[in-house]
């Protein structure tokens, strides 16, 4: 059996109403819908963190500031401002 924890959640009314509508459209309770939404967000964040960790490999940020200091001090191109 999965253990469950209770958490009192305060949402802005507009968010709660939108979540209630979406839960109803999905045919689930608001509690189930919020639990699913939180689980989805946790998965996305953990996947992104793992991706960047793998991408970085053994590299660290030690030389990052030195690299940034060596960048030319020029105004952005017009297309960079969009």
PDB file of N, CA and C in Angstrom:
ATOM      1  N   UNK A   1       0.835  -1.166   0.000  1.00  0.00           N
ATOM      2  CA  UNK A   1       0.000   0.000   0.000  1.00  0.00           C
ATOM      3  C   UNK A   1       0.893   1.247   0.000  1.00  0.00           C
ATOM      4  N   UNK A   2       0.531   2.227  -0.829  1.00  0.00           N
ATOM      5  CA  UNK A   2       1.290   3.475  -0.886  1.00  0.00           C
ATOM      6  C   UNK A   2       0.911   4.359   0.295  1.00  0.00           C
ATOM      7  N   UNK A   3       1.922   4.959   0.900  1.00  0.00           N
ATOM      8  CA  UNK A   3       1.673   5.885   1.998  1.00  0.00           C
ATOM      9  C   UNK A   3       1.308   7.237   1.421  1.00  0.00           C
ATOM     10  N   UNK A   4       0.422   7.931   2.056  1.00  0.00           N
ATOM     11  CA  UNK A   4      -0.014   9.239   1.602  1.00  0.00           C
ATOM     12  C   UNK A   4       0.165  10.252   2.713  1.00  0.00           C
ATOM     13  N   UNK A   5       0.481  11.470   2.315  1.00  0.00           N
ATOM     14  CA  UNK A   5       0.617  12.560   3.274  1.00  0.00           C
ATOM     15  C   UNK A   5      -0.456  13.601   2.986  1.00  0.00           C
ATOM     16  N   UNK A   6      -0.902  14.246   4.022  1.00  0.00           N
ATOM     17  CA  UNK A   6      -1.892  15.300   3.876  1.00  0.00           C
ATOM     18  C   UNK A   6      -1.179  16.638   3.888  1.00  0.00           C
ATOM     19  N   UNK A   7      -1.598  17.521   2.993  1.00  0.00           N
ATOM     20  CA  UNK A   7      -0.995  18.835   2.894  1.00  0.00           C
ATOM     21  C   UNK A   7      -2.087  19.848   2.594  1.00  0.00           C
ATOM     22  N   UNK A   8      -2.193  20.848   3.428  1.00  0.00           N
ATOM     23  CA  UNK A   8      -3.177  21.899   3.209  1.00  0.00           C
ATOM     24  C   UNK A   8      -2.622  22.850   2.148  1.00  0.00           C
ATOM     25  N   UNK A   9      -3.355  23.026   1.082  1.00  0.00           N
ATOM     26  CA  UNK A   9      -2.877  23.824  -0.049  1.00  0.00           C
ATOM     27  C   UNK A   9      -3.762  25.042  -0.236  1.00  0.00           C
ATOM     28  N   UNK A  10      -3.141  26.210  -0.301  1.00  0.00           N
ATOM     29  CA  UNK A  10      -3.885  27.444  -0.548  1.00  0.00           C
ATOM     30  C   UNK A  10      -3.536  27.920  -1.953  1.00  0.00           C
ATOM     31  N   UNK A  11      -4.560  28.054  -2.783  1.00  0.00           N
ATOM     32  CA  UNK A  11      -4.378  28.483  -4.162  1.00  0.00           C
ATOM     33  C   UNK A  11      -5.143  29.776  -4.405  1.00  0.00           C
ATOM     34  N   UNK A  12      -4.647  30.610  -5.319  1.00  0.00           N
ATOM     35  CA  UNK A  12      -5.474  31.740  -5.743  1.00  0.00           C
ATOM     36  C   UNK A  12      -6.783  31.183  -6.314  1.00  0.00           C
ATOM     37  N   UNK A  13      -7.865  31.872  -6.085  1.00  0.00           N
ATOM     38  CA  UNK A  13      -9.175  31.387  -6.500  1.00  0.00           C
ATOM     39  C   UNK A  13      -9.224  31.080  -7.995  1.00  0.00           C
ATOM     40  N   UNK A  14      -8.594  31.921  -8.810  1.00  0.00           N
ATOM     41  CA  UNK A  14      -8.624  31.694 -10.258  1.00  0.00           C
ATOM     42  C   UNK A  14      -7.934  30.381 -10.638  1.00  0.00           C
ATOM     43  N   UNK A  15      -6.844  30.052  -9.959  1.00  0.00           N
ATOM     44  CA  UNK A  15      -6.127  28.797 -10.225  1.00  0.00           C
ATOM     45  C   UNK A  15      -6.974  27.616  -9.772  1.00  0.00           C
ATOM     46  N   UNK A  16      -7.588  27.753  -8.597  1.00  0.00           N
ATOM     47  CA  UNK A  16      -8.424  26.661  -8.089  1.00  0.00           C
ATOM     48  C   UNK A  16      -9.589  26.384  -9.030  1.00  0.00           C
ATOM     49  N   UNK A  17     -10.237  27.441  -9.509  1.00  0.00           N
ATOM     50  CA  UNK A  17     -11.364  27.250 -10.423  1.00  0.00           C
ATOM     51  C   UNK A  17     -10.918  26.587 -11.721  1.00  0.00           C
ATOM     52  N   UNK A  18      -9.775  27.006 -12.240  1.00  0.00           N
ATOM     53  CA  UNK A  18      -9.258  26.395 -13.467  1.00  0.00           C
ATOM     54  C   UNK A  18      -8.930  24.921 -13.225  1.00  0.00           C
ATOM     55  N   UNK A  19      -8.306  24.618 -12.090  1.00  0.00           N
ATOM     56  CA  UNK A  19      -7.965  23.229 -11.758  1.00  0.00           C
ATOM     57  C   UNK A  19      -9.231  22.390 -11.585  1.00  0.00           C
ATOM     58  N   UNK A  20     -10.249  22.958 -10.946  1.00  0.00           N
ATOM     59  CA  UNK A  20     -11.517  22.230 -10.784  1.00  0.00           C
ATOM     60  C   UNK A  20     -12.139  21.919 -12.144  1.00  0.00           C
ATOM     61  N   UNK A  21     -12.103  22.899 -13.033  1.00  0.00           N
ATOM     62  CA  UNK A  21     -12.677  22.697 -14.373  1.00  0.00           C
ATOM     63  C   UNK A  21     -11.918  21.597 -15.118  1.00  0.00           C
ATOM     64  N   UNK A  22     -10.599  21.662 -15.063  1.00  0.00           N
ATOM     65  CA  UNK A  22      -9.789  20.662 -15.768  1.00  0.00           C
ATOM     66  C   UNK A  22      -9.964  19.274 -15.162  1.00  0.00           C
ATOM     67  N   UNK A  23     -10.064  19.206 -13.839  1.00  0.00           N
ATOM     68  CA  UNK A  23     -10.289  17.915 -13.174  1.00  0.00           C
ATOM     69  C   UNK A  23     -11.622  17.333 -13.615  1.00  0.00           C
ATOM     70  N   UNK A  24     -12.633  18.178 -13.665  1.00  0.00           N
ATOM     71  CA  UNK A  24     -13.959  17.717 -14.090  1.00  0.00           C
ATOM     72  C   UNK A  24     -13.910  17.221 -15.537  1.00  0.00           C
ATOM     73  N   UNK A  25     -13.200  17.958 -16.400  1.00  0.00           N
ATOM     74  CA  UNK A  25     -13.062  17.536 -17.799  1.00  0.00           C
ATOM     75  C   UNK A  25     -12.354  16.190 -17.909  1.00  0.00           C
ATOM     76  N   UNK A  26     -11.403  15.949 -16.998  1.00  0.00           N
ATOM     77  CA  UNK A  26     -10.666  14.676 -16.997  1.00  0.00           C
ATOM     78  C   UNK A  26     -11.431  13.573 -16.273  1.00  0.00           C
ATOM     79  N   UNK A  27     -12.504  13.938 -15.586  1.00  0.00           N
ATOM     80  CA  UNK A  27     -13.296  12.948 -14.871  1.00  0.00           C
ATOM     81  C   UNK A  27     -12.654  12.439 -13.605  1.00  0.00           C
ATOM     82  N   UNK A  28     -11.865  13.280 -12.951  1.00  0.00           N
ATOM     83  CA  UNK A  28     -11.204  12.887 -11.703  1.00  0.00           C
ATOM     84  C   UNK A  28     -11.498  13.949 -10.638  1.00  0.00           C
ATOM     85  N   UNK A  29     -11.194  13.611  -9.400  1.00  0.00           N
ATOM     86  CA  UNK A  29     -11.375  14.577  -8.321  1.00  0.00           C
ATOM     87  C   UNK A  29     -10.303  15.660  -8.419  1.00  0.00           C
ATOM     88  N   UNK A  30     -10.574  16.780  -7.783  1.00  0.00           N
ATOM     89  CA  UNK A  30      -9.582  17.859  -7.751  1.00  0.00           C
ATOM     90  C   UNK A  30      -8.304  17.368  -7.094  1.00  0.00           C
ATOM     91  N   UNK A  31      -8.431  16.596  -6.024  1.00  0.00           N
ATOM     92  CA  UNK A  31      -7.259  16.051  -5.342  1.00  0.00           C
ATOM     93  C   UNK A  31      -6.418  15.178  -6.279  1.00  0.00           C
ATOM     94  N   UNK A  32      -7.078  14.296  -7.023  1.00  0.00           N
ATOM     95  CA  UNK A  32      -6.353  13.436  -7.974  1.00  0.00           C
ATOM     96  C   UNK A  32      -5.683  14.268  -9.050  1.00  0.00           C
ATOM     97  N   UNK A  33      -6.386  15.285  -9.529  1.00  0.00           N
ATOM     98  CA  UNK A  33      -5.843  16.112 -10.604  1.00  0.00           C
ATOM     99  C   UNK A  33      -4.607  16.867 -10.130  1.00  0.00           C
ATOM    100  N   UNK A  34      -4.680  17.448  -8.916  1.00  0.00           N
ATOM    101  CA  UNK A  34      -3.530  18.182  -8.374  1.00  0.00           C
ATOM    102  C   UNK A  34      -2.363  17.237  -8.112  1.00  0.00           C
ATOM    103  N   UNK A  35      -2.631  16.055  -7.573  1.00  0.00           N
ATOM    104  CA  UNK A  35      -1.558  15.079  -7.333  1.00  0.00           C
ATOM    105  C   UNK A  35      -0.871  14.697  -8.638  1.00  0.00           C
ATOM    106  N   UNK A  36      -1.663  14.507  -9.681  1.00  0.00           N
ATOM    107  CA  UNK A  36      -1.104  14.160 -10.987  1.00  0.00           C
ATOM    108  C   UNK A  36      -0.278  15.318 -11.549  1.00  0.00           C
ATOM    109  N   UNK A  37      -0.777  16.545 -11.397  1.00  0.00           N
ATOM    110  CA  UNK A  37      -0.058  17.717 -11.896  1.00  0.00           C
ATOM    111  C   UNK A  37       1.278  17.889 -11.174  1.00  0.00           C
ATOM    112  N   UNK A  38       1.283  17.680  -9.859  1.00  0.00           N
ATOM    113  CA  UNK A  38       2.515  17.791  -9.087  1.00  0.00           C
ATOM    114  C   UNK A  38       3.490  16.690  -9.502  1.00  0.00           C
ATOM    115  N   UNK A  39       2.994  15.461  -9.677  1.00  0.00           N
ATOM    116  CA  UNK A  39       3.850  14.347 -10.097  1.00  0.00           C
ATOM    117  C   UNK A  39       4.464  14.630 -11.467  1.00  0.00           C
ATOM    118  N   UNK A  40       3.668  15.207 -12.365  1.00  0.00           N
ATOM    119  CA  UNK A  40       4.173  15.543 -13.701  1.00  0.00           C
ATOM    120  C   UNK A  40       5.285  16.580 -13.600  1.00  0.00           C
ATOM    121  N   UNK A  41       5.094  17.604 -12.793  1.00  0.00           N
ATOM    122  CA  UNK A  41       6.101  18.658 -12.635  1.00  0.00           C
ATOM    123  C   UNK A  41       7.372  18.104 -12.014  1.00  0.00           C
ATOM    124  N   UNK A  42       7.233  17.244 -11.005  1.00  0.00           N
ATOM    125  CA  UNK A  42       8.402  16.626 -10.368  1.00  0.00           C
ATOM    126  C   UNK A  42       9.190  15.830 -11.413  1.00  0.00           C
ATOM    127  N   UNK A  43       8.490  15.074 -12.242  1.00  0.00           N
ATOM    128  CA  UNK A  43       9.157  14.297 -13.283  1.00  0.00           C
ATOM    129  C   UNK A  43       9.904  15.164 -14.272  1.00  0.00           C
ATOM    130  N   UNK A  44       9.296  16.264 -14.676  1.00  0.00           N
ATOM    131  CA  UNK A  44       9.941  17.172 -15.630  1.00  0.00           C
ATOM    132  C   UNK A  44      11.191  17.789 -15.023  1.00  0.00           C
ATOM    133  N   UNK A  45      11.086  18.271 -13.798  1.00  0.00           N
ATOM    134  CA  UNK A  45      12.229  18.915 -13.145  1.00  0.00           C
ATOM    135  C   UNK A  45      13.360  17.908 -12.921  1.00  0.00           C
ATOM    136  N   UNK A  46      13.010  16.717 -12.445  1.00  0.00           N
ATOM    137  CA  UNK A  46      14.048  15.711 -12.209  1.00  0.00           C
ATOM    138  C   UNK A  46      14.691  15.262 -13.509  1.00  0.00           C
ATOM    139  N   UNK A  47      13.912  15.148 -14.574  1.00  0.00           N
ATOM    140  CA  UNK A  47      14.462  14.766 -15.868  1.00  0.00           C
ATOM    141  C   UNK A  47      15.406  15.843 -16.379  1.00  0.00           C
ATOM    142  N   UNK A  48      15.010  17.108 -16.253  1.00  0.00           N
ATOM    143  CA  UNK A  48      15.859  18.213 -16.701  1.00  0.00           C
ATOM    144  C   UNK A  48      17.151  18.254 -15.894  1.00  0.00           C
ATOM    145  N   UNK A  49      17.045  18.073 -14.589  1.00  0.00           N
ATOM    146  CA  UNK A  49      18.240  18.102 -13.744  1.00  0.00           C
ATOM    147  C   UNK A  49      19.200  16.984 -14.142  1.00  0.00           C
ATOM    148  N   UNK A  50      18.668  15.802 -14.397  1.00  0.00           N
ATOM    149  CA  UNK A  50      19.506  14.672 -14.803  1.00  0.00           C
ATOM    150  C   UNK A  50      20.153  14.937 -16.163  1.00  0.00           C
ATOM    151  N   UNK A  51      19.400  15.534 -17.076  1.00  0.00           N
ATOM    152  CA  UNK A  51      19.935  15.864 -18.399  1.00  0.00           C
ATOM    153  C   UNK A  51      21.137  16.795 -18.261  1.00  0.00           C
ATOM    154  N   UNK A  52      20.992  17.869 -17.482  1.00  0.00           N
ATOM    155  CA  UNK A  52      22.079  18.834 -17.356  1.00  0.00           C
ATOM    156  C   UNK A  52      23.261  18.249 -16.592  1.00  0.00           C
ATOM    157  N   UNK A  53      22.968  17.368 -15.636  1.00  0.00           N
ATOM    158  CA  UNK A  53      24.047  16.718 -14.900  1.00  0.00           C
ATOM    159  C   UNK A  53      24.870  15.839 -15.845  1.00  0.00           C
ATOM    160  N   UNK A  54      24.183  15.064 -16.684  1.00  0.00           N
ATOM    161  CA  UNK A  54      24.887  14.218 -17.655  1.00  0.00           C
ATOM    162  C   UNK A  54      25.629  15.060 -18.670  1.00  0.00           C
ATOM    163  N   UNK A  55      24.996  16.137 -19.112  1.00  0.00           N
ATOM    164  CA  UNK A  55      25.604  17.010 -20.118  1.00  0.00           C
ATOM    165  C   UNK A  55      26.888  17.649 -19.589  1.00  0.00           C
ATOM    166  N   UNK A  56      26.881  18.028 -18.309  1.00  0.00           N
ATOM    167  CA  UNK A  56      28.055  18.662 -17.719  1.00  0.00           C
ATOM    168  C   UNK A  56      29.188  17.662 -17.513  1.00  0.00           C
ATOM    169  N   UNK A  57      28.837  16.399 -17.315  1.00  0.00           N
ATOM    170  CA  UNK A  57      29.867  15.393 -17.076  1.00  0.00           C
ATOM    171  C   UNK A  57      30.659  15.736 -15.828  1.00  0.00           C
ATOM    172  N   UNK A  58      31.974  15.730 -15.950  1.00  0.00           N
ATOM    173  CA  UNK A  58      32.833  16.029 -14.804  1.00  0.00           C
ATOM    174  C   UNK A  58      33.207  17.507 -14.732  1.00  0.00           C
ATOM    175  N   UNK A  59      32.710  18.280 -15.668  1.00  0.00           N
ATOM    176  CA  UNK A  59      33.037  19.705 -15.669  1.00  0.00           C
ATOM    177  C   UNK A  59      32.361  20.405 -14.492  1.00  0.00           C
ATOM    178  N   UNK A  60      33.008  21.455 -14.031  1.00  0.00           N
ATOM    179  CA  UNK A  60      32.450  22.268 -12.954  1.00  0.00           C
ATOM    180  C   UNK A  60      32.367  23.711 -13.438  1.00  0.00           C
ATOM    181  N   UNK A  61      31.831  24.571 -12.636  1.00  0.00           N
ATOM    182  CA  UNK A  61      31.709  25.979 -13.002  1.00  0.00           C
ATOM    183  C   UNK A  61      32.923  26.797 -12.617  1.00  0.00           C
ATOM    184  N   UNK A  62      34.007  26.139 -12.214  1.00  0.00           N
ATOM    185  CA  UNK A  62      35.190  26.860 -11.735  1.00  0.00           C
ATOM    186  C   UNK A  62      35.714  27.887 -12.736  1.00  0.00           C
ATOM    187  N   UNK A  63      35.738  27.562 -14.009  1.00  0.00           N
ATOM    188  CA  UNK A  63      36.293  28.484 -15.000  1.00  0.00           C
ATOM    189  C   UNK A  63      35.256  29.371 -15.657  1.00  0.00           C
ATOM    190  N   UNK A  64      34.019  29.278 -15.224  1.00  0.00           N
ATOM    191  CA  UNK A  64      32.939  30.015 -15.885  1.00  0.00           C
ATOM    192  C   UNK A  64      33.125  31.524 -15.788  1.00  0.00           C
ATOM    193  N   UNK A  65      33.414  32.044 -14.606  1.00  0.00           N
ATOM    194  CA  UNK A  65      33.568  33.495 -14.467  1.00  0.00           C
ATOM    195  C   UNK A  65      34.749  34.002 -15.280  1.00  0.00           C
ATOM    196  N   UNK A  66      35.814  33.252 -15.316  1.00  0.00           N
ATOM    197  CA  UNK A  66      36.967  33.650 -16.133  1.00  0.00           C
ATOM    198  C   UNK A  66      36.585  33.690 -17.607  1.00  0.00           C
ATOM    199  N   UNK A  67      35.828  32.703 -18.042  1.00  0.00           N
ATOM    200  CA  UNK A  67      35.361  32.666 -19.433  1.00  0.00           C
ATOM    201  C   UNK A  67      34.464  33.874 -19.730  1.00  0.00           C
ATOM    202  N   UNK A  68      33.542  34.166 -18.824  1.00  0.00           N
ATOM    203  CA  UNK A  68      32.628  35.297 -19.034  1.00  0.00           C
ATOM    204  C   UNK A  68      33.373  36.630 -19.033  1.00  0.00           C
ATOM    205  N   UNK A  69      34.394  36.759 -18.208  1.00  0.00           N
ATOM    206  CA  UNK A  69      35.186  38.001 -18.175  1.00  0.00           C
ATOM    207  C   UNK A  69      35.931  38.218 -19.488  1.00  0.00           C
ATOM    208  N   UNK A  70      36.214  37.145 -20.212  1.00  0.00           N
ATOM    209  CA  UNK A  70      36.946  37.270 -21.476  1.00  0.00           C
ATOM    210  C   UNK A  70      36.037  37.610 -22.647  1.00  0.00           C
ATOM    211  N   UNK A  71      34.731  37.639 -22.429  1.00  0.00           N
ATOM    212  CA  UNK A  71      33.790  37.960 -23.508  1.00  0.00           C
ATOM    213  C   UNK A  71      33.938  39.441 -23.872  1.00  0.00           C
ATOM    214  N   UNK A  72      33.795  39.770 -25.149  1.00  0.00           N
ATOM    215  CA  UNK A  72      33.926  41.172 -25.555  1.00  0.00           C
ATOM    216  C   UNK A  72      32.803  42.028 -24.958  1.00  0.00           C
ATOM    217  N   UNK A  73      33.135  43.265 -24.630  1.00  0.00           N
ATOM    218  CA  UNK A  73      32.165  44.189 -24.054  1.00  0.00           C
ATOM    219  C   UNK A  73      31.558  45.017 -25.186  1.00  0.00           C
ATOM    220  N   UNK A  74      30.562  44.452 -25.849  1.00  0.00           N
ATOM    221  CA  UNK A  74      29.920  45.119 -26.982  1.00  0.00           C
ATOM    222  C   UNK A  74      28.410  45.144 -26.767  1.00  0.00           C
ATOM    223  N   UNK A  75      27.765  46.101 -27.428  1.00  0.00           N
ATOM    224  CA  UNK A  75      26.315  46.191 -27.342  1.00  0.00           C
ATOM    225  C   UNK A  75      25.688  44.998 -28.069  1.00  0.00           C
ATOM    226  N   UNK A  76      24.505  44.547 -27.617  1.00  0.00           N
ATOM    227  CA  UNK A  76      23.848  43.435 -28.303  1.00  0.00           C
ATOM    228  C   UNK A  76      23.427  43.815 -29.719  1.00  0.00           C
ATOM    229  N   UNK A  77      23.384  42.824 -30.578  1.00  0.00           N
ATOM    230  CA  UNK A  77      22.881  43.027 -31.940  1.00  0.00           C
ATOM    231  C   UNK A  77      21.385  43.296 -31.851  1.00  0.00           C
ATOM    232  N   UNK A  78      20.806  44.017 -32.819  1.00  0.00           N
ATOM    233  CA  UNK A  78      19.362  44.299 -32.789  1.00  0.00           C
ATOM    234  C   UNK A  78      18.511  43.027 -32.657  1.00  0.00           C
ATOM    235  N   UNK A  79      18.907  41.958 -33.324  1.00  0.00           N
ATOM    236  CA  UNK A  79      18.138  40.706 -33.253  1.00  0.00           C
ATOM    237  C   UNK A  79      18.222  40.044 -31.881  1.00  0.00           C
ATOM    238  N   UNK A  80      19.235  40.379 -31.088  1.00  0.00           N
ATOM    239  CA  UNK A  80      19.377  39.797 -29.757  1.00  0.00           C
ATOM    240  C   UNK A  80      18.352  40.351 -28.775  1.00  0.00           C
ATOM    241  N   UNK A  81      17.747  41.457 -29.120  1.00  0.00           N
ATOM    242  CA  UNK A  81      16.834  42.140 -28.199  1.00  0.00           C
ATOM    243  C   UNK A  81      15.397  41.621 -28.328  1.00  0.00           C
ATOM    244  N   UNK A  82      15.151  40.698 -29.214  1.00  0.00           N
ATOM    245  CA  UNK A  82      13.791  40.192 -29.391  1.00  0.00           C
ATOM    246  C   UNK A  82      13.507  39.054 -28.484  1.00  0.00           C
TER     247      UNK A  82
END
